[in-house]
Structures are given as C-alpha cells and as structure tokens.
PDB file of N, CA and C in Angstrom:
ATOM      1  N   LEU A   1     -15.052  10.929  -1.760  1.00  0.00           N
ATOM      2  CA  LEU A   1     -13.724  10.818  -1.172  1.00  0.00           C
ATOM      3  C   LEU A   1     -13.149  12.180  -0.812  1.00  0.00           C
ATOM      4  N   LYS A   2     -13.491  13.195  -1.606  1.00  0.00           N
ATOM      5  CA  LYS A   2     -12.969  14.526  -1.303  1.00  0.00           C
ATOM      6  C   LYS A   2     -13.489  15.027   0.041  1.00  0.00           C
ATOM      7  N   GLU A   3     -14.721  14.623   0.398  1.00  0.00           N
ATOM      8  CA  GLU A   3     -15.252  15.011   1.701  1.00  0.00           C
ATOM      9  C   GLU A   3     -14.518  14.274   2.819  1.00  0.00           C
ATOM     10  N   LYS A   4     -14.193  13.017   2.583  1.00  0.00           N
ATOM     11  CA  LYS A   4     -13.516  12.209   3.595  1.00  0.00           C
ATOM     12  C   LYS A   4     -12.058  12.643   3.778  1.00  0.00           C
ATOM     13  N   PHE A   5     -11.393  12.952   2.677  1.00  0.00           N
ATOM     14  CA  PHE A   5      -9.987  13.368   2.715  1.00  0.00           C
ATOM     15  C   PHE A   5      -9.886  14.789   2.170  1.00  0.00           C
ATOM     16  N   LYS A   6     -10.343  15.759   2.945  1.00  0.00           N
ATOM     17  CA  LYS A   6     -10.391  17.152   2.493  1.00  0.00           C
ATOM     18  C   LYS A   6      -9.028  17.686   2.049  1.00  0.00           C
ATOM     19  N   GLU A   7      -7.997  17.263   2.748  1.00  0.00           N
ATOM     20  CA  GLU A   7      -6.650  17.754   2.430  1.00  0.00           C
ATOM     21  C   GLU A   7      -5.860  16.758   1.594  1.00  0.00           C
ATOM     22  N   GLY A   8      -6.537  15.814   0.990  1.00  0.00           N
ATOM     23  CA  GLY A   8      -5.853  14.799   0.192  1.00  0.00           C
ATOM     24  C   GLY A   8      -5.471  13.612   1.048  1.00  0.00           C
ATOM     25  N   TRP A   9      -4.957  12.600   0.423  1.00  0.00           N
ATOM     26  CA  TRP A   9      -4.550  11.385   1.124  1.00  0.00           C
ATOM     27  C   TRP A   9      -3.186  11.612   1.727  1.00  0.00           C
ATOM     28  N   ASN A  10      -3.119  11.584   3.055  1.00  0.00           N
ATOM     29  CA  ASN A  10      -1.865  11.798   3.757  1.00  0.00           C
ATOM     30  C   ASN A  10      -1.797  10.834   4.940  1.00  0.00           C
ATOM     31  N   PRO A  11      -1.424   9.588   4.688  1.00  0.00           N
ATOM     32  CA  PRO A  11      -1.402   8.600   5.768  1.00  0.00           C
ATOM     33  C   PRO A  11      -0.357   8.951   6.823  1.00  0.00           C
ATOM     34  N   PRO A  12      -0.618   8.604   8.095  1.00  0.00           N
ATOM     35  CA  PRO A  12       0.323   8.931   9.167  1.00  0.00           C
ATOM     36  C   PRO A  12       1.629   8.147   9.084  1.00  0.00           C
ATOM     37  N   LYS A  13       1.590   6.938   8.528  1.00  0.00           N
ATOM     38  CA  LYS A  13       2.807   6.131   8.415  1.00  0.00           C
ATOM     39  C   LYS A  13       3.149   5.963   6.945  1.00  0.00           C
ATOM     40  N   LYS A  14       4.359   6.291   6.591  1.00  0.00           N
ATOM     41  CA  LYS A  14       4.815   6.155   5.206  1.00  0.00           C
ATOM     42  C   LYS A  14       5.659   4.890   5.082  1.00  0.00           C
ATOM     43  N   LEU A  15       5.484   4.195   3.978  1.00  0.00           N
ATOM     44  CA  LEU A  15       6.275   2.993   3.712  1.00  0.00           C
ATOM     45  C   LEU A  15       7.359   3.310   2.689  1.00  0.00           C
ATOM     46  N   SER A  16       8.472   2.628   2.802  1.00  0.00           N
ATOM     47  CA  SER A  16       9.564   2.819   1.850  1.00  0.00           C
ATOM     48  C   SER A  16       9.168   2.231   0.500  1.00  0.00           C
ATOM     49  N   PRO A  17       9.805   2.691  -0.569  1.00  0.00           N
ATOM     50  CA  PRO A  17       9.536   2.099  -1.887  1.00  0.00           C
ATOM     51  C   PRO A  17       9.778   0.589  -1.905  1.00  0.00           C
ATOM     52  N   ASP A  18      10.778   0.122  -1.166  1.00  0.00           N
ATOM     53  CA  ASP A  18      11.049  -1.322  -1.099  1.00  0.00           C
ATOM     54  C   ASP A  18       9.896  -2.072  -0.429  1.00  0.00           C
ATOM     55  N   ALA A  19       9.338  -1.490   0.623  1.00  0.00           N
ATOM     56  CA  ALA A  19       8.205  -2.121   1.307  1.00  0.00           C
ATOM     57  C   ALA A  19       6.990  -2.173   0.390  1.00  0.00           C
ATOM     58  N   ILE A  20       6.766  -1.111  -0.360  1.00  0.00           N
ATOM     59  CA  ILE A  20       5.638  -1.064  -1.293  1.00  0.00           C
ATOM     60  C   ILE A  20       5.796  -2.147  -2.357  1.00  0.00           C
ATOM     61  N   GLU A  21       7.002  -2.283  -2.890  1.00  0.00           N
ATOM     62  CA  GLU A  21       7.249  -3.335  -3.885  1.00  0.00           C
ATOM     63  C   GLU A  21       7.070  -4.719  -3.262  1.00  0.00           C
ATOM     64  N   GLY A  22       7.483  -4.866  -2.009  1.00  0.00           N
ATOM     65  CA  GLY A  22       7.307  -6.138  -1.312  1.00  0.00           C
ATOM     66  C   GLY A  22       5.839  -6.498  -1.153  1.00  0.00           C
ATOM     67  N   ILE A  23       5.020  -5.518  -0.816  1.00  0.00           N
ATOM     68  CA  ILE A  23       3.574  -5.733  -0.690  1.00  0.00           C
ATOM     69  C   ILE A  23       3.000  -6.191  -2.019  1.00  0.00           C
ATOM     70  N   ARG A  24       3.362  -5.505  -3.081  1.00  0.00           N
ATOM     71  CA  ARG A  24       2.855  -5.876  -4.410  1.00  0.00           C
ATOM     72  C   ARG A  24       3.301  -7.282  -4.799  1.00  0.00           C
ATOM     73  N   HIS A  25       4.555  -7.598  -4.502  1.00  0.00           N
ATOM     74  CA  HIS A  25       5.095  -8.910  -4.867  1.00  0.00           C
ATOM     75  C   HIS A  25       4.383 -10.026  -4.098  1.00  0.00           C
ATOM     76  N   LEU A  26       4.238  -9.852  -2.789  1.00  0.00           N
ATOM     77  CA  LEU A  26       3.564 -10.872  -1.983  1.00  0.00           C
ATOM     78  C   LEU A  26       2.145 -11.111  -2.476  1.00  0.00           C
ATOM     79  N   HIS A  27       1.432 -10.036  -2.756  1.00  0.00           N
ATOM     80  CA  HIS A  27       0.047 -10.167  -3.212  1.00  0.00           C
ATOM     81  C   HIS A  27      -0.020 -10.811  -4.597  1.00  0.00           C
ATOM     82  N   GLN A  28       0.949 -10.503  -5.440  1.00  0.00           N
ATOM     83  CA  GLN A  28       0.966 -11.065  -6.794  1.00  0.00           C
ATOM     84  C   GLN A  28       1.275 -12.562  -6.769  1.00  0.00           C
ATOM     85  N   VAL A  29       2.203 -12.973  -5.923  1.00  0.00           N
ATOM     86  CA  VAL A  29       2.628 -14.369  -5.857  1.00  0.00           C
ATOM     87  C   VAL A  29       1.556 -15.256  -5.214  1.00  0.00           C
ATOM     88  N   ALA A  30       0.940 -14.771  -4.136  1.00  0.00           N
ATOM     89  CA  ALA A  30      -0.047 -15.590  -3.413  1.00  0.00           C
ATOM     90  C   ALA A  30      -1.198 -14.716  -2.917  1.00  0.00           C
ATOM     91  N   PRO A  31      -2.072 -14.262  -3.818  1.00  0.00           N
ATOM     92  CA  PRO A  31      -3.154 -13.361  -3.409  1.00  0.00           C
ATOM     93  C   PRO A  31      -4.136 -13.982  -2.418  1.00  0.00           C
ATOM     94  N   GLU A  32      -4.296 -15.306  -2.459  1.00  0.00           N
ATOM     95  CA  GLU A  32      -5.216 -15.947  -1.518  1.00  0.00           C
ATOM     96  C   GLU A  32      -4.642 -15.986  -0.106  1.00  0.00           C
ATOM     97  N   GLN A  33      -3.325 -15.989   0.011  1.00  0.00           N
ATOM     98  CA  GLN A  33      -2.665 -15.997   1.318  1.00  0.00           C
ATOM     99  C   GLN A  33      -2.420 -14.573   1.811  1.00  0.00           C
ATOM    100  N   PHE A  34      -1.974 -13.693   0.923  1.00  0.00           N
ATOM    101  CA  PHE A  34      -1.645 -12.317   1.294  1.00  0.00           C
ATOM    102  C   PHE A  34      -2.768 -11.383   0.857  1.00  0.00           C
ATOM    103  N   THR A  35      -3.871 -11.464   1.584  1.00  0.00           N
ATOM    104  CA  THR A  35      -5.020 -10.605   1.307  1.00  0.00           C
ATOM    105  C   THR A  35      -4.758  -9.210   1.864  1.00  0.00           C
ATOM    106  N   THR A  36      -5.617  -8.278   1.524  1.00  0.00           N
ATOM    107  CA  THR A  36      -5.467  -6.905   2.016  1.00  0.00           C
ATOM    108  C   THR A  36      -5.409  -6.849   3.544  1.00  0.00           C
ATOM    109  N   PRO A  37      -6.330  -7.499   4.279  1.00  0.00           N
ATOM    110  CA  PRO A  37      -6.248  -7.439   5.746  1.00  0.00           C
ATOM    111  C   PRO A  37      -4.966  -8.055   6.310  1.00  0.00           C
ATOM    112  N   VAL A  38      -4.502  -9.143   5.710  1.00  0.00           N
ATOM    113  CA  VAL A  38      -3.273  -9.796   6.184  1.00  0.00           C
ATOM    114  C   VAL A  38      -2.074  -8.873   5.969  1.00  0.00           C
ATOM    115  N   LEU A  39      -1.976  -8.289   4.789  1.00  0.00           N
ATOM    116  CA  LEU A  39      -0.864  -7.374   4.505  1.00  0.00           C
ATOM    117  C   LEU A  39      -0.926  -6.144   5.409  1.00  0.00           C
ATOM    118  N   ALA A  40      -2.126  -5.630   5.650  1.00  0.00           N
ATOM    119  CA  ALA A  40      -2.280  -4.459   6.522  1.00  0.00           C
ATOM    120  C   ALA A  40      -1.768  -4.767   7.925  1.00  0.00           C
ATOM    121  N   GLU A  41      -2.091  -5.938   8.421  1.00  0.00           N
ATOM    122  CA  GLU A  41      -1.640  -6.317   9.761  1.00  0.00           C
ATOM    123  C   GLU A  41      -0.125  -6.510   9.798  1.00  0.00           C
ATOM    124  N   GLN A  42       0.427  -7.168   8.791  1.00  0.00           N
ATOM    125  CA  GLN A  42       1.872  -7.436   8.773  1.00  0.00           C
ATOM    126  C   GLN A  42       2.695  -6.156   8.650  1.00  0.00           C
ATOM    127  N   PHE A  43       2.223  -5.204   7.834  1.00  0.00           N
ATOM    128  CA  PHE A  43       2.982  -3.976   7.603  1.00  0.00           C
ATOM    129  C   PHE A  43       2.543  -2.835   8.518  1.00  0.00           C
ATOM    130  N   LYS A  44       1.586  -3.104   9.417  1.00  0.00           N
ATOM    131  CA  LYS A  44       1.119  -2.122  10.404  1.00  0.00           C
ATOM    132  C   LYS A  44       0.600  -0.840   9.755  1.00  0.00           C
ATOM    133  N   VAL A  45      -0.179  -1.013   8.694  1.00  0.00           N
ATOM    134  CA  VAL A  45      -0.850   0.115   8.040  1.00  0.00           C
ATOM    135  C   VAL A  45      -2.320  -0.262   7.866  1.00  0.00           C
ATOM    136  N   SER A  46      -3.128   0.690   7.459  1.00  0.00           N
ATOM    137  CA  SER A  46      -4.559   0.429   7.306  1.00  0.00           C
ATOM    138  C   SER A  46      -4.834  -0.406   6.051  1.00  0.00           C
ATOM    139  N   PRO A  47      -5.939  -1.136   6.058  1.00  0.00           N
ATOM    140  CA  PRO A  47      -6.332  -1.855   4.839  1.00  0.00           C
ATOM    141  C   PRO A  47      -6.527  -0.899   3.658  1.00  0.00           C
ATOM    142  N   GLU A  48      -6.969   0.331   3.937  1.00  0.00           N
ATOM    143  CA  GLU A  48      -7.135   1.329   2.872  1.00  0.00           C
ATOM    144  C   GLU A  48      -5.786   1.650   2.227  1.00  0.00           C
ATOM    145  N   ALA A  49      -4.733   1.752   3.031  1.00  0.00           N
ATOM    146  CA  ALA A  49      -3.397   2.022   2.485  1.00  0.00           C
ATOM    147  C   ALA A  49      -2.943   0.867   1.586  1.00  0.00           C
ATOM    148  N   ILE A  50      -3.182  -0.362   2.021  1.00  0.00           N
ATOM    149  CA  ILE A  50      -2.810  -1.532   1.212  1.00  0.00           C
ATOM    150  C   ILE A  50      -3.601  -1.538  -0.088  1.00  0.00           C
ATOM    151  N   ARG A  51      -4.893  -1.257   0.008  1.00  0.00           N
ATOM    152  CA  ARG A  51      -5.736  -1.230  -1.188  1.00  0.00           C
ATOM    153  C   ARG A  51      -5.204  -0.207  -2.183  1.00  0.00           C
ATOM    154  N   ARG A  52      -4.808   0.951  -1.692  1.00  0.00           N
ATOM    155  CA  ARG A  52      -4.280   2.000  -2.577  1.00  0.00           C
ATOM    156  C   ARG A  52      -2.940   1.590  -3.188  1.00  0.00           C
ATOM    157  N   ILE A  53      -2.095   0.937  -2.402  1.00  0.00           N
ATOM    158  CA  ILE A  53      -0.797   0.475  -2.913  1.00  0.00           C
ATOM    159  C   ILE A  53      -1.003  -0.545  -4.031  1.00  0.00           C
ATOM    160  N   LEU A  54      -1.901  -1.499  -3.814  1.00  0.00           N
ATOM    161  CA  LEU A  54      -2.134  -2.544  -4.815  1.00  0.00           C
ATOM    162  C   LEU A  54      -2.777  -1.981  -6.074  1.00  0.00           C
ATOM    163  N   LYS A  55      -3.577  -0.948  -5.922  1.00  0.00           N
ATOM    164  CA  LYS A  55      -4.268  -0.348  -7.066  1.00  0.00           C
ATOM    165  C   LYS A  55      -3.349   0.602  -7.845  1.00  0.00           C
ATOM    166  N   SER A  56      -2.415   1.219  -7.143  1.00  0.00           N
ATOM    167  CA  SER A  56      -1.543   2.230  -7.736  1.00  0.00           C
ATOM    168  C   SER A  56      -0.567   1.627  -8.738  1.00  0.00           C
ATOM    169  N   LYS A  57      -0.248   2.400  -9.756  1.00  0.00           N
ATOM    170  CA  LYS A  57       0.740   1.980 -10.748  1.00  0.00           C
ATOM    171  C   LYS A  57       2.088   2.681 -10.517  1.00  0.00           C
ATOM    172  N   TRP A  58       2.167   3.520  -9.477  1.00  0.00           N
ATOM    173  CA  TRP A  58       3.382   4.275  -9.198  1.00  0.00           C
ATOM    174  C   TRP A  58       4.533   3.337  -8.861  1.00  0.00           C
ATOM    175  N   ARG A  59       5.678   3.629  -9.413  1.00  0.00           N
ATOM    176  CA  ARG A  59       6.908   2.895  -9.117  1.00  0.00           C
ATOM    177  C   ARG A  59       8.001   3.918  -8.818  1.00  0.00           C
ATOM    178  N   ALA A  60       8.874   3.603  -7.879  1.00  0.00           N
ATOM    179  CA  ALA A  60       9.984   4.489  -7.539  1.00  0.00           C
ATOM    180  C   ALA A  60      10.952   4.545  -8.716  1.00  0.00           C
ATOM    181  N   SER A  61      11.375   5.741  -9.042  1.00  0.00           N
ATOM    182  CA  SER A  61      12.361   5.876 -10.111  1.00  0.00           C
ATOM    183  C   SER A  61      13.756   5.741  -9.517  1.00  0.00           C
ATOM    184  N   ASP A  62      14.754   5.653 -10.371  1.00  0.00           N
ATOM    185  CA  ASP A  62      16.133   5.543  -9.893  1.00  0.00           C
ATOM    186  C   ASP A  62      16.576   6.802  -9.167  1.00  0.00           C
ATOM    187  N   LYS A  63      15.961   7.935  -9.479  1.00  0.00           N
ATOM    188  CA  LYS A  63      16.331   9.209  -8.870  1.00  0.00           C
ATOM    189  C   LYS A  63      15.848   9.320  -7.434  1.00  0.00           C
ATOM    190  N   GLU A  64      14.802   8.573  -7.078  1.00  0.00           N
ATOM    191  CA  GLU A  64      14.211   8.704  -5.740  1.00  0.00           C
ATOM    192  C   GLU A  64      14.929   7.868  -4.716  1.00  0.00           C
TER     193      GLU A  64
END
C-alpha cells in the first residue's frame, strides 16, 4: 500500500462527519442492500473510500 499511496491516503473528495456516520448506519442496518459498491455510487466516492470508512473506528469528536 505504501507503494500505491506514496504520500498517504488523500482522497480528492472529502465527506463530512455526518455523511460518514450515515454510510456506517446504512451499512449496519441493511448490509445486503447497502453494499460497498452501492454506497460508493450513492455518495459519489470510490469503493476504496467506502471500504476504509466502514473499516475505520474513527468518530468525530465534539470539538471537530
């Protein structure tokens, strides 16, 4: 991965913390309906970005 992302992961489109929580919620409630490709298409981001969001444990703090 370091060869693929030499400068780190820096996607061209950033999603708001609310959108990220929405993605997680949709996938949690109905994973068979809201698959990675479906979410990627709906939110106009790459499937890799969705995969990273679903895998990540990061949550927005009240300060952000």
